[in-house]
Amino acid sequence: MDKVMLVTGGSRGIGAATCLMAAKYGYAVAVNYHSNQEAADAIVKAIEKDGGKALAVQADVANEQDVVRMFATVDDELGPITALVNNAGIVDQPSKVADMSAERVARMMSVNVVGPFLCAREAIRRMGTSYGGPGGAIVNVSSAASHAAGGGGAGTYIDYGASKGAIDTLTEGLAKEVASDQIRVNAVRPGVVDTEIHASGGQPDKPEQAKSAIPLGRVGQPEDIAEAIMYLAEAKFTTGAFLDVDGGV
């Protein structure tokens, strides 16, 4: 049976590393992107160059019509998915809650929470055995900021931490809800990873500053997280689990 993986936010960072690694595991890969088609196309070309199969597909995961169209496109071009990686997410400029606008919080929740819910819904309708599917896997990309040990985003982006806390709850509940459909739902919780997301959140120096507090003495690389994602995608008797990939913090 063909293995098809959809990675949201697959054009850069953790998503891009996951797409490239998934192809090596034998998946046909749908590389979702929001606006950077050039980056997504580069990932597709890299996969195809190594003999794999891939597709770049644009969609705003916070937009229901976009998500429905994205899954339909993947159905037509690659076939129904057997694995979903809910990776797309955003941060914002450092801010305390006292200074946050409703618009900021709503945008954070739309992309980081509503998006994964919508994508999970469409994935379940294709993978679930009660829908005629073969079963499959959902891997949610949460964050160390989702729990107290990770700081919860205090002083910078509690809204981001709260959105990832919601992803943890989604993972736990959905794992139980769709187990009978032979769908496994797990989450990876990265610590500080050297990606562009820190610059987009106004903290480009965060990886360098964080190194001294990490027991392993370095920040994570996108490939470190991709390895954990692929483990959870392939682990046949694991569901409702959280894999902290944070260098021992």
C-alpha atoms as a PDB file:
ATOM      1  CA  MET A   1       0.000   0.000   0.000  1.00  0.00           C
ATOM      2  CA  ASP A   2       1.330   3.431  -0.953  1.00  0.00           C
ATOM      3  CA  LYS A   3       2.418   5.658   1.925  1.00  0.00           C
ATOM      4  CA  VAL A   4       1.471   9.313   1.545  1.00  0.00           C
ATOM      5  CA  MET A   5       2.437  11.981   4.070  1.00  0.00           C
ATOM      6  CA  LEU A   6       1.166  15.551   4.202  1.00  0.00           C
ATOM      7  CA  VAL A   7       3.406  17.972   6.084  1.00  0.00           C
ATOM      8  CA  THR A   8       1.870  21.354   6.827  1.00  0.00           C
ATOM      9  CA  GLY A   9       4.354  24.199   6.815  1.00  0.00           C
ATOM     10  CA  GLY A  10       6.640  21.918   4.838  1.00  0.00           C
ATOM     11  CA  SER A  11       8.649  24.482   2.916  1.00  0.00           C
ATOM     12  CA  ARG A  12      11.142  25.451   5.623  1.00  0.00           C
ATOM     13  CA  GLY A  13      12.652  24.548   8.977  1.00  0.00           C
ATOM     14  CA  ILE A  14      11.330  21.475  10.748  1.00  0.00           C
ATOM     15  CA  GLY A  15       8.714  20.919   8.048  1.00  0.00           C
ATOM     16  CA  ALA A  16      11.256  20.898   5.231  1.00  0.00           C
ATOM     17  CA  ALA A  17      13.547  18.506   7.105  1.00  0.00           C
ATOM     18  CA  THR A  18      10.578  16.222   7.752  1.00  0.00           C
ATOM     19  CA  CYS A  19       9.560  16.213   4.085  1.00  0.00           C
ATOM     20  CA  LEU A  20      13.062  15.230   2.985  1.00  0.00           C
ATOM     21  CA  MET A  21      13.317  12.517   5.626  1.00  0.00           C
ATOM     22  CA  ALA A  22       9.832  11.154   4.903  1.00  0.00           C
ATOM     23  CA  ALA A  23      10.799  10.616   1.282  1.00  0.00           C
ATOM     24  CA  LYS A  24      13.731   8.478   2.457  1.00  0.00           C
ATOM     25  CA  TYR A  25      11.233   6.402   4.450  1.00  0.00           C
ATOM     26  CA  GLY A  26       9.343   5.685   1.247  1.00  0.00           C
ATOM     27  CA  TYR A  27       6.534   8.213   1.535  1.00  0.00           C
ATOM     28  CA  ALA A  28       5.142  10.235  -1.310  1.00  0.00           C
ATOM     29  CA  VAL A  29       5.199  13.700   0.258  1.00  0.00           C
ATOM     30  CA  ALA A  30       2.771  16.602   0.034  1.00  0.00           C
ATOM     31  CA  VAL A  31       4.688  19.764   0.893  1.00  0.00           C
ATOM     32  CA  ASN A  32       2.218  22.348   2.147  1.00  0.00           C
ATOM     33  CA  TYR A  33       3.198  26.011   2.077  1.00  0.00           C
ATOM     34  CA  HIS A  34       1.410  29.272   2.817  1.00  0.00           C
ATOM     35  CA  SER A  35       3.178  31.792   0.569  1.00  0.00           C
ATOM     36  CA  ASN A  36       6.740  30.697  -0.260  1.00  0.00           C
ATOM     37  CA  GLN A  37       6.176  28.581  -3.352  1.00  0.00           C
ATOM     38  CA  GLU A  38       9.828  28.816  -4.362  1.00  0.00           C
ATOM     39  CA  ALA A  39      10.956  27.154  -1.141  1.00  0.00           C
ATOM     40  CA  ALA A  40       8.299  24.437  -1.427  1.00  0.00           C
ATOM     41  CA  ASP A  41       9.228  23.738  -5.046  1.00  0.00           C
ATOM     42  CA  ALA A  42      12.879  23.392  -4.004  1.00  0.00           C
ATOM     43  CA  ILE A  43      11.936  20.675  -1.500  1.00  0.00           C
ATOM     44  CA  VAL A  44       9.899  18.874  -4.156  1.00  0.00           C
ATOM     45  CA  LYS A  45      12.803  19.006  -6.616  1.00  0.00           C
ATOM     46  CA  ALA A  46      15.221  17.668  -3.993  1.00  0.00           C
ATOM     47  CA  ILE A  47      12.917  14.726  -3.297  1.00  0.00           C
ATOM     48  CA  GLU A  48      12.375  14.004  -6.979  1.00  0.00           C
ATOM     49  CA  LYS A  49      16.112  14.212  -7.647  1.00  0.00           C
ATOM     50  CA  ASP A  50      16.602  11.321  -5.234  1.00  0.00           C
ATOM     51  CA  GLY A  51      13.899   9.299  -6.965  1.00  0.00           C
ATOM     52  CA  GLY A  52      11.028  10.142  -4.653  1.00  0.00           C
ATOM     53  CA  LYS A  53       7.581  11.529  -5.337  1.00  0.00           C
ATOM     54  CA  ALA A  54       6.390  14.883  -4.006  1.00  0.00           C
ATOM     55  CA  LEU A  55       3.889  17.661  -4.549  1.00  0.00           C
ATOM     56  CA  ALA A  56       3.863  21.291  -3.417  1.00  0.00           C
ATOM     57  CA  VAL A  57       0.391  22.440  -2.413  1.00  0.00           C
ATOM     58  CA  GLN A  58      -0.551  25.915  -1.228  1.00  0.00           C
ATOM     59  CA  ALA A  59      -3.030  26.391   1.592  1.00  0.00           C
ATOM     60  CA  ASP A  60      -3.616  28.568   4.628  1.00  0.00           C
ATOM     61  CA  VAL A  61      -4.307  25.932   7.284  1.00  0.00           C
ATOM     62  CA  ALA A  62      -6.467  28.398   9.219  1.00  0.00           C
ATOM     63  CA  ASN A  63      -8.841  28.638   6.253  1.00  0.00           C
ATOM     64  CA  GLU A  64     -11.335  25.765   6.062  1.00  0.00           C
ATOM     65  CA  GLN A  65     -11.858  26.029   2.309  1.00  0.00           C
ATOM     66  CA  ASP A  66      -8.102  26.000   1.741  1.00  0.00           C
ATOM     67  CA  VAL A  67      -7.696  22.881   3.878  1.00  0.00           C
ATOM     68  CA  VAL A  68     -10.480  21.031   2.077  1.00  0.00           C
ATOM     69  CA  ARG A  69      -8.978  21.980  -1.287  1.00  0.00           C
ATOM     70  CA  MET A  70      -5.497  20.946  -0.163  1.00  0.00           C
ATOM     71  CA  PHE A  71      -6.598  17.457   0.828  1.00  0.00           C
ATOM     72  CA  ALA A  72      -8.591  17.050  -2.383  1.00  0.00           C
ATOM     73  CA  THR A  73      -5.513  18.052  -4.390  1.00  0.00           C
ATOM     74  CA  VAL A  74      -3.378  15.511  -2.557  1.00  0.00           C
ATOM     75  CA  ASP A  75      -6.058  12.861  -3.159  1.00  0.00           C
ATOM     76  CA  ASP A  76      -5.936  13.537  -6.894  1.00  0.00           C
ATOM     77  CA  GLU A  77      -2.158  13.833  -7.259  1.00  0.00           C
ATOM     78  CA  LEU A  78      -0.720  11.404  -4.708  1.00  0.00           C
ATOM     79  CA  GLY A  79      -3.660   9.461  -3.291  1.00  0.00           C
ATOM     80  CA  PRO A  80      -5.300   9.583   0.153  1.00  0.00           C
ATOM     81  CA  ILE A  81      -2.827  10.350   2.906  1.00  0.00           C
ATOM     82  CA  THR A  82      -1.682   7.737   5.419  1.00  0.00           C
ATOM     83  CA  ALA A  83       0.188  10.173   7.653  1.00  0.00           C
ATOM     84  CA  LEU A  84      -0.331  13.810   8.639  1.00  0.00           C
ATOM     85  CA  VAL A  85       2.258  16.034  10.281  1.00  0.00           C
ATOM     86  CA  ASN A  86       0.607  19.110  11.810  1.00  0.00           C
ATOM     87  CA  ASN A  87       3.679  21.321  11.724  1.00  0.00           C
ATOM     88  CA  ALA A  88       2.529  24.734  10.444  1.00  0.00           C
ATOM     89  CA  GLY A  89       2.625  27.354  13.165  1.00  0.00           C
ATOM     90  CA  ILE A  90       3.455  30.958  13.948  1.00  0.00           C
ATOM     91  CA  VAL A  91       4.876  33.086  16.752  1.00  0.00           C
ATOM     92  CA  ASP A  92       4.671  36.833  17.184  1.00  0.00           C
ATOM     93  CA  GLN A  93       6.819  39.598  18.588  1.00  0.00           C
ATOM     94  CA  PRO A  94       7.739  39.265  22.286  1.00  0.00           C
ATOM     95  CA  SER A  95       4.937  40.662  24.408  1.00  0.00           C
ATOM     96  CA  LYS A  96       3.418  40.361  27.853  1.00  0.00           C
ATOM     97  CA  VAL A  97      -0.241  39.434  28.113  1.00  0.00           C
ATOM     98  CA  ALA A  98      -1.051  42.928  29.394  1.00  0.00           C
ATOM     99  CA  ASP A  99      -0.016  44.301  26.010  1.00  0.00           C
ATOM    100  CA  MET A 100      -1.581  41.693  23.704  1.00  0.00           C
ATOM    101  CA  SER A 101      -4.393  42.577  21.335  1.00  0.00           C
ATOM    102  CA  ALA A 102      -7.375  40.362  20.668  1.00  0.00           C
ATOM    103  CA  GLU A 103      -6.350  40.245  17.010  1.00  0.00           C
ATOM    104  CA  ARG A 104      -2.933  38.833  17.861  1.00  0.00           C
ATOM    105  CA  VAL A 105      -4.328  36.100  20.085  1.00  0.00           C
ATOM    106  CA  ALA A 106      -7.053  35.202  17.581  1.00  0.00           C
ATOM    107  CA  ARG A 107      -4.510  34.889  14.761  1.00  0.00           C
ATOM    108  CA  MET A 108      -2.265  32.703  16.920  1.00  0.00           C
ATOM    109  CA  MET A 109      -5.128  30.368  17.747  1.00  0.00           C
ATOM    110  CA  SER A 110      -6.411  30.282  14.178  1.00  0.00           C
ATOM    111  CA  VAL A 111      -3.128  29.070  12.730  1.00  0.00           C
ATOM    112  CA  ASN A 112      -1.780  27.016  15.635  1.00  0.00           C
ATOM    113  CA  VAL A 113      -4.999  25.400  16.879  1.00  0.00           C
ATOM    114  CA  VAL A 114      -7.819  25.684  14.350  1.00  0.00           C
ATOM    115  CA  GLY A 115      -5.468  24.651  11.541  1.00  0.00           C
ATOM    116  CA  PRO A 116      -4.421  21.347  13.136  1.00  0.00           C
ATOM    117  CA  PHE A 117      -8.050  20.578  14.034  1.00  0.00           C
ATOM    118  CA  LEU A 118      -9.153  21.100  10.420  1.00  0.00           C
ATOM    119  CA  CYS A 119      -6.278  19.051   9.022  1.00  0.00           C
ATOM    120  CA  ALA A 120      -6.873  16.267  11.534  1.00  0.00           C
ATOM    121  CA  ARG A 121     -10.536  16.189  10.559  1.00  0.00           C
ATOM    122  CA  GLU A 122      -9.753  15.753   6.884  1.00  0.00           C
ATOM    123  CA  ALA A 123      -7.063  13.164   7.632  1.00  0.00           C
ATOM    124  CA  ILE A 124      -9.415  11.090   9.789  1.00  0.00           C
ATOM    125  CA  ARG A 125     -12.009  11.040   7.008  1.00  0.00           C
ATOM    126  CA  ARG A 126      -9.403   9.452   4.729  1.00  0.00           C
ATOM    127  CA  MET A 127      -7.426   7.236   7.080  1.00  0.00           C
ATOM    128  CA  GLY A 128     -10.063   5.985   9.517  1.00  0.00           C
ATOM    129  CA  THR A 129     -11.148   2.376   9.063  1.00  0.00           C
ATOM    130  CA  SER A 130     -14.769   3.355   9.729  1.00  0.00           C
ATOM    131  CA  TYR A 131     -14.486   5.619   6.656  1.00  0.00           C
ATOM    132  CA  GLY A 132     -13.029   2.817   4.546  1.00  0.00           C
ATOM    133  CA  GLY A 133      -9.416   3.873   5.105  1.00  0.00           C
ATOM    134  CA  PRO A 134      -6.392   1.793   6.124  1.00  0.00           C
ATOM    135  CA  GLY A 135      -5.611   3.560   9.395  1.00  0.00           C
ATOM    136  CA  GLY A 136      -2.615   5.826   9.742  1.00  0.00           C
ATOM    137  CA  ALA A 137      -0.759   8.330  11.880  1.00  0.00           C
ATOM    138  CA  ILE A 138      -1.066  11.945  12.952  1.00  0.00           C
ATOM    139  CA  VAL A 139       1.983  13.650  14.456  1.00  0.00           C
ATOM    140  CA  ASN A 140       1.390  17.042  16.015  1.00  0.00           C
ATOM    141  CA  VAL A 141       4.283  19.456  16.452  1.00  0.00           C
ATOM    142  CA  SER A 142       3.810  20.988  19.876  1.00  0.00           C
ATOM    143  CA  SER A 143       6.509  22.825  21.834  1.00  0.00           C
ATOM    144  CA  ALA A 144       8.397  22.846  25.098  1.00  0.00           C
ATOM    145  CA  ALA A 145       6.485  26.101  25.683  1.00  0.00           C
ATOM    146  CA  SER A 146       3.276  24.081  26.112  1.00  0.00           C
ATOM    147  CA  HIS A 147       4.052  23.121  29.706  1.00  0.00           C
ATOM    148  CA  ALA A 148       5.457  24.667  32.846  1.00  0.00           C
ATOM    149  CA  ALA A 149       8.875  23.033  32.521  1.00  0.00           C
ATOM    150  CA  GLY A 150       9.280  24.783  29.197  1.00  0.00           C
ATOM    151  CA  GLY A 151       8.385  28.159  30.667  1.00  0.00           C
ATOM    152  CA  GLY A 152       5.013  28.475  28.972  1.00  0.00           C
ATOM    153  CA  GLY A 153       6.248  31.438  26.964  1.00  0.00           C
ATOM    154  CA  ALA A 154       6.232  33.698  30.027  1.00  0.00           C
ATOM    155  CA  GLY A 155       7.253  37.269  29.253  1.00  0.00           C
ATOM    156  CA  THR A 156       7.407  36.754  25.502  1.00  0.00           C
ATOM    157  CA  TYR A 157       4.572  34.712  23.997  1.00  0.00           C
ATOM    158  CA  ILE A 158       2.189  33.048  26.423  1.00  0.00           C
ATOM    159  CA  ASP A 159      -0.322  33.033  23.580  1.00  0.00           C
ATOM    160  CA  TYR A 160       2.008  30.733  21.619  1.00  0.00           C
ATOM    161  CA  GLY A 161       2.528  28.525  24.676  1.00  0.00           C
ATOM    162  CA  ALA A 162      -1.231  28.356  25.205  1.00  0.00           C
ATOM    163  CA  SER A 163      -1.793  27.379  21.583  1.00  0.00           C
ATOM    164  CA  LYS A 164       0.685  24.525  21.968  1.00  0.00           C
ATOM    165  CA  GLY A 165      -0.962  23.515  25.235  1.00  0.00           C
ATOM    166  CA  ALA A 166      -4.140  23.125  23.194  1.00  0.00           C
ATOM    167  CA  ILE A 167      -2.222  20.883  20.791  1.00  0.00           C
ATOM    168  CA  ASP A 168      -1.188  18.690  23.717  1.00  0.00           C
ATOM    169  CA  THR A 169      -4.829  18.341  24.742  1.00  0.00           C
ATOM    170  CA  LEU A 170      -5.838  17.620  21.155  1.00  0.00           C
ATOM    171  CA  THR A 171      -3.198  14.896  20.999  1.00  0.00           C
ATOM    172  CA  GLU A 172      -4.338  13.182  24.183  1.00  0.00           C
ATOM    173  CA  GLY A 173      -8.044  13.309  23.410  1.00  0.00           C
ATOM    174  CA  LEU A 174      -7.854  12.504  19.715  1.00  0.00           C
ATOM    175  CA  ALA A 175      -5.553   9.540  20.332  1.00  0.00           C
ATOM    176  CA  LYS A 176      -8.326   7.919  22.357  1.00  0.00           C
ATOM    177  CA  GLU A 177     -11.100   9.034  20.015  1.00  0.00           C
ATOM    178  CA  VAL A 178      -9.646   7.531  16.832  1.00  0.00           C
ATOM    179  CA  ALA A 179      -7.787   4.505  18.203  1.00  0.00           C
ATOM    180  CA  SER A 180     -10.624   2.238  17.078  1.00  0.00           C
ATOM    181  CA  ASP A 181     -10.159   3.710  13.585  1.00  0.00           C
ATOM    182  CA  GLN A 182      -6.541   2.479  13.720  1.00  0.00           C
ATOM    183  CA  ILE A 183      -5.206   6.031  13.678  1.00  0.00           C
ATOM    184  CA  ARG A 184      -2.334   6.796  16.028  1.00  0.00           C
ATOM    185  CA  VAL A 185      -1.970  10.361  17.325  1.00  0.00           C
ATOM    186  CA  ASN A 186       1.245  11.519  18.958  1.00  0.00           C
ATOM    187  CA  ALA A 187       3.139  14.753  19.487  1.00  0.00           C
ATOM    188  CA  VAL A 188       6.731  15.909  19.438  1.00  0.00           C
ATOM    189  CA  ARG A 189       7.650  18.820  21.711  1.00  0.00           C
ATOM    190  CA  PRO A 190      10.779  20.584  20.436  1.00  0.00           C
ATOM    191  CA  GLY A 191      12.910  22.816  22.589  1.00  0.00           C
ATOM    192  CA  VAL A 192      14.895  25.627  20.990  1.00  0.00           C
ATOM    193  CA  VAL A 193      15.598  24.728  17.360  1.00  0.00           C
ATOM    194  CA  ASP A 194      17.739  26.683  14.919  1.00  0.00           C
ATOM    195  CA  THR A 195      15.088  27.795  12.418  1.00  0.00           C
ATOM    196  CA  GLU A 196      13.749  31.036  10.939  1.00  0.00           C
ATOM    197  CA  ILE A 197      10.790  31.108  13.319  1.00  0.00           C
ATOM    198  CA  HIS A 198      12.829  32.946  15.960  1.00  0.00           C
ATOM    199  CA  ALA A 199      13.571  35.812  13.579  1.00  0.00           C
ATOM    200  CA  SER A 200       9.900  36.021  12.609  1.00  0.00           C
ATOM    201  CA  GLY A 201       9.113  36.306  16.314  1.00  0.00           C
ATOM    202  CA  GLY A 202      11.612  39.107  16.826  1.00  0.00           C
ATOM    203  CA  GLN A 203      14.238  36.958  18.572  1.00  0.00           C
ATOM    204  CA  PRO A 204      16.820  36.038  15.914  1.00  0.00           C
ATOM    205  CA  ASP A 205      19.518  35.502  18.557  1.00  0.00           C
ATOM    206  CA  LYS A 206      17.448  33.139  20.712  1.00  0.00           C
ATOM    207  CA  PRO A 207      19.188  29.908  19.566  1.00  0.00           C
ATOM    208  CA  GLU A 208      22.629  31.303  20.413  1.00  0.00           C
ATOM    209  CA  GLN A 209      21.435  32.659  23.749  1.00  0.00           C
ATOM    210  CA  ALA A 210      19.751  29.391  24.714  1.00  0.00           C
ATOM    211  CA  LYS A 211      22.767  27.121  24.264  1.00  0.00           C
ATOM    212  CA  SER A 212      24.199  27.638  27.744  1.00  0.00           C
ATOM    213  CA  ALA A 213      20.990  26.403  29.391  1.00  0.00           C
ATOM    214  CA  ILE A 214      20.772  23.179  27.372  1.00  0.00           C
ATOM    215  CA  PRO A 215      22.482  20.159  28.978  1.00  0.00           C
ATOM    216  CA  LEU A 216      23.621  18.761  25.616  1.00  0.00           C
ATOM    217  CA  GLY A 217      25.363  22.078  24.937  1.00  0.00           C
ATOM    218  CA  ARG A 218      23.683  22.946  21.647  1.00  0.00           C
ATOM    219  CA  VAL A 219      20.324  23.926  20.217  1.00  0.00           C
ATOM    220  CA  GLY A 220      18.341  21.515  18.108  1.00  0.00           C
ATOM    221  CA  GLN A 221      18.565  21.270  14.364  1.00  0.00           C
ATOM    222  CA  PRO A 222      15.511  20.697  12.155  1.00  0.00           C
ATOM    223  CA  GLU A 223      16.741  17.181  11.401  1.00  0.00           C
ATOM    224  CA  ASP A 224      16.718  16.344  15.131  1.00  0.00           C
ATOM    225  CA  ILE A 225      12.996  17.043  15.249  1.00  0.00           C
ATOM    226  CA  ALA A 226      12.337  15.342  11.909  1.00  0.00           C
ATOM    227  CA  GLU A 227      13.862  12.133  13.291  1.00  0.00           C
ATOM    228  CA  ALA A 228      11.439  12.211  16.216  1.00  0.00           C
ATOM    229  CA  ILE A 229       8.490  12.937  13.928  1.00  0.00           C
ATOM    230  CA  MET A 230       9.357  10.015  11.686  1.00  0.00           C
ATOM    231  CA  TYR A 231       9.724   7.714  14.678  1.00  0.00           C
ATOM    232  CA  LEU A 232       6.221   8.612  15.839  1.00  0.00           C
ATOM    233  CA  ALA A 233       4.841   8.297  12.318  1.00  0.00           C
ATOM    234  CA  GLU A 234       6.202   4.758  12.091  1.00  0.00           C
ATOM    235  CA  ALA A 235       5.745   3.530  15.687  1.00  0.00           C
ATOM    236  CA  LYS A 236       2.918   1.041  15.269  1.00  0.00           C
ATOM    237  CA  PHE A 237       2.062   0.541  18.963  1.00  0.00           C
ATOM    238  CA  THR A 238       2.447   4.104  20.181  1.00  0.00           C
ATOM    239  CA  THR A 239      -0.421   6.553  20.542  1.00  0.00           C
ATOM    240  CA  GLY A 240      -1.190   9.457  22.841  1.00  0.00           C
ATOM    241  CA  ALA A 241       2.535   9.907  23.499  1.00  0.00           C
ATOM    242  CA  PHE A 242       4.680  13.023  23.819  1.00  0.00           C
ATOM    243  CA  LEU A 243       8.296  12.973  22.753  1.00  0.00           C
ATOM    244  CA  ASP A 244      10.285  15.872  24.249  1.00  0.00           C
ATOM    245  CA  VAL A 245      13.219  16.747  21.978  1.00  0.00           C
ATOM    246  CA  ASP A 246      14.887  19.556  23.873  1.00  0.00           C
ATOM    247  CA  GLY A 247      18.485  18.572  24.576  1.00  0.00           C
ATOM    248  CA  GLY A 248      17.682  17.533  28.146  1.00  0.00           C
ATOM    249  CA  VAL A 249      16.202  20.746  29.492  1.00  0.00           C
END
